[in-house]
Amino acid sequence: MKPPGRRGLALTITIALAVKAVLLYGLWYAFFSHPQTRKMRLPTGQVENHLLAAPAPTLPEKVNDGTRR
């Protein structure tokens, strides 16, 4: 036989997870499911090239030798 508090805890966790899932779906649907305009869509290839491209080279650090110009 289970302790009396275990069933209530499992039910509380299940309800909390269900509510969170519904809220996350609602936020996704409200803000991310449709672009604002058709012109905001980018070609898939262009997005892939931008995200998967090699990072830009970094500038070398300045040497601080204490001299002023």
C-alpha atoms as a PDB file:
ATOM      1  CA  MET A   1       0.000   0.000   0.000  1.00  0.00           C
ATOM      2  CA  LYS A   2       1.286   3.470  -0.907  1.00  0.00           C
ATOM      3  CA  PRO A   3       1.711   6.189   1.678  1.00  0.00           C
ATOM      4  CA  PRO A   4      -1.229   8.634   1.610  1.00  0.00           C
ATOM      5  CA  GLY A   5       0.796  11.636   0.391  1.00  0.00           C
ATOM      6  CA  ARG A   6       2.338   9.948  -2.679  1.00  0.00           C
ATOM      7  CA  ARG A   7      -0.833   9.921  -4.778  1.00  0.00           C
ATOM      8  CA  GLY A   8      -1.487  13.610  -4.140  1.00  0.00           C
ATOM      9  CA  LEU A   9       2.079  14.531  -5.033  1.00  0.00           C
ATOM     10  CA  ALA A  10       1.956  12.602  -8.313  1.00  0.00           C
ATOM     11  CA  LEU A  11      -1.360  14.247  -9.205  1.00  0.00           C
ATOM     12  CA  THR A  12      -0.002  17.716  -8.377  1.00  0.00           C
ATOM     13  CA  ILE A  13       3.103  17.179 -10.513  1.00  0.00           C
ATOM     14  CA  THR A  14       1.025  15.821 -13.408  1.00  0.00           C
ATOM     15  CA  ILE A  15      -1.339  18.796 -13.322  1.00  0.00           C
ATOM     16  CA  ALA A  16       1.562  21.265 -13.102  1.00  0.00           C
ATOM     17  CA  LEU A  17       3.275  19.682 -16.123  1.00  0.00           C
ATOM     18  CA  ALA A  18       0.043  19.707 -18.124  1.00  0.00           C
ATOM     19  CA  VAL A  19      -0.554  23.395 -17.324  1.00  0.00           C
ATOM     20  CA  LYS A  20       3.032  24.268 -18.299  1.00  0.00           C
ATOM     21  CA  ALA A  21       2.690  22.396 -21.589  1.00  0.00           C
ATOM     22  CA  VAL A  22      -0.534  24.258 -22.407  1.00  0.00           C
ATOM     23  CA  LEU A  23       1.060  27.614 -21.535  1.00  0.00           C
ATOM     24  CA  LEU A  24       4.147  26.893 -23.653  1.00  0.00           C
ATOM     25  CA  TYR A  25       1.977  25.893 -26.593  1.00  0.00           C
ATOM     26  CA  GLY A  26      -0.083  29.063 -26.182  1.00  0.00           C
ATOM     27  CA  LEU A  27       3.037  31.248 -26.157  1.00  0.00           C
ATOM     28  CA  TRP A  28       4.439  29.478 -29.212  1.00  0.00           C
ATOM     29  CA  TYR A  29       1.157  29.835 -31.080  1.00  0.00           C
ATOM     30  CA  ALA A  30       0.772  33.514 -30.160  1.00  0.00           C
ATOM     31  CA  PHE A  31       4.303  34.655 -30.967  1.00  0.00           C
ATOM     32  CA  PHE A  32       6.173  32.139 -33.132  1.00  0.00           C
ATOM     33  CA  SER A  33       3.765  30.091 -35.242  1.00  0.00           C
ATOM     34  CA  HIS A  34       3.247  32.665 -38.012  1.00  0.00           C
ATOM     35  CA  PRO A  35       5.670  35.269 -39.400  1.00  0.00           C
ATOM     36  CA  GLN A  36       4.414  38.853 -39.256  1.00  0.00           C
ATOM     37  CA  THR A  37       4.569  39.317 -43.019  1.00  0.00           C
ATOM     38  CA  ARG A  38       5.302  37.128 -46.001  1.00  0.00           C
ATOM     39  CA  LYS A  39       8.375  39.159 -46.901  1.00  0.00           C
ATOM     40  CA  MET A  40       9.997  38.175 -43.599  1.00  0.00           C
ATOM     41  CA  ARG A  41      10.539  34.612 -44.790  1.00  0.00           C
ATOM     42  CA  LEU A  42      14.086  33.734 -45.793  1.00  0.00           C
ATOM     43  CA  PRO A  43      15.242  30.997 -48.136  1.00  0.00           C
ATOM     44  CA  THR A  44      16.319  27.905 -46.223  1.00  0.00           C
ATOM     45  CA  GLY A  45      19.720  27.829 -47.925  1.00  0.00           C
ATOM     46  CA  GLN A  46      20.509  31.390 -46.872  1.00  0.00           C
ATOM     47  CA  VAL A  47      19.635  30.648 -43.247  1.00  0.00           C
ATOM     48  CA  GLU A  48      21.740  27.466 -43.268  1.00  0.00           C
ATOM     49  CA  ASN A  49      24.743  29.305 -44.709  1.00  0.00           C
ATOM     50  CA  HIS A  50      24.472  32.028 -42.092  1.00  0.00           C
ATOM     51  CA  LEU A  51      24.103  29.674 -39.125  1.00  0.00           C
ATOM     52  CA  LEU A  52      26.622  27.057 -40.240  1.00  0.00           C
ATOM     53  CA  ALA A  53      29.303  29.363 -41.674  1.00  0.00           C
ATOM     54  CA  ALA A  54      32.736  29.582 -40.094  1.00  0.00           C
ATOM     55  CA  PRO A  55      32.981  32.316 -37.476  1.00  0.00           C
ATOM     56  CA  ALA A  56      34.498  35.633 -38.509  1.00  0.00           C
ATOM     57  CA  PRO A  57      38.190  35.988 -37.673  1.00  0.00           C
ATOM     58  CA  THR A  58      38.895  37.848 -34.465  1.00  0.00           C
ATOM     59  CA  LEU A  59      41.093  40.923 -34.318  1.00  0.00           C
ATOM     60  CA  PRO A  60      44.495  40.511 -32.677  1.00  0.00           C
ATOM     61  CA  GLU A  61      44.799  41.933 -29.194  1.00  0.00           C
ATOM     62  CA  LYS A  62      46.454  45.313 -28.810  1.00  0.00           C
ATOM     63  CA  VAL A  63      49.819  45.233 -27.131  1.00  0.00           C
ATOM     64  CA  ASN A  64      49.981  47.590 -24.199  1.00  0.00           C
ATOM     65  CA  ASP A  65      53.675  48.410 -23.844  1.00  0.00           C
ATOM     66  CA  GLY A  66      53.155  51.605 -21.861  1.00  0.00           C
ATOM     67  CA  THR A  67      54.210  54.021 -24.620  1.00  0.00           C
ATOM     68  CA  ARG A  68      52.042  56.933 -25.674  1.00  0.00           C
ATOM     69  CA  ARG A  69      51.693  58.278 -29.152  1.00  0.00           C
END
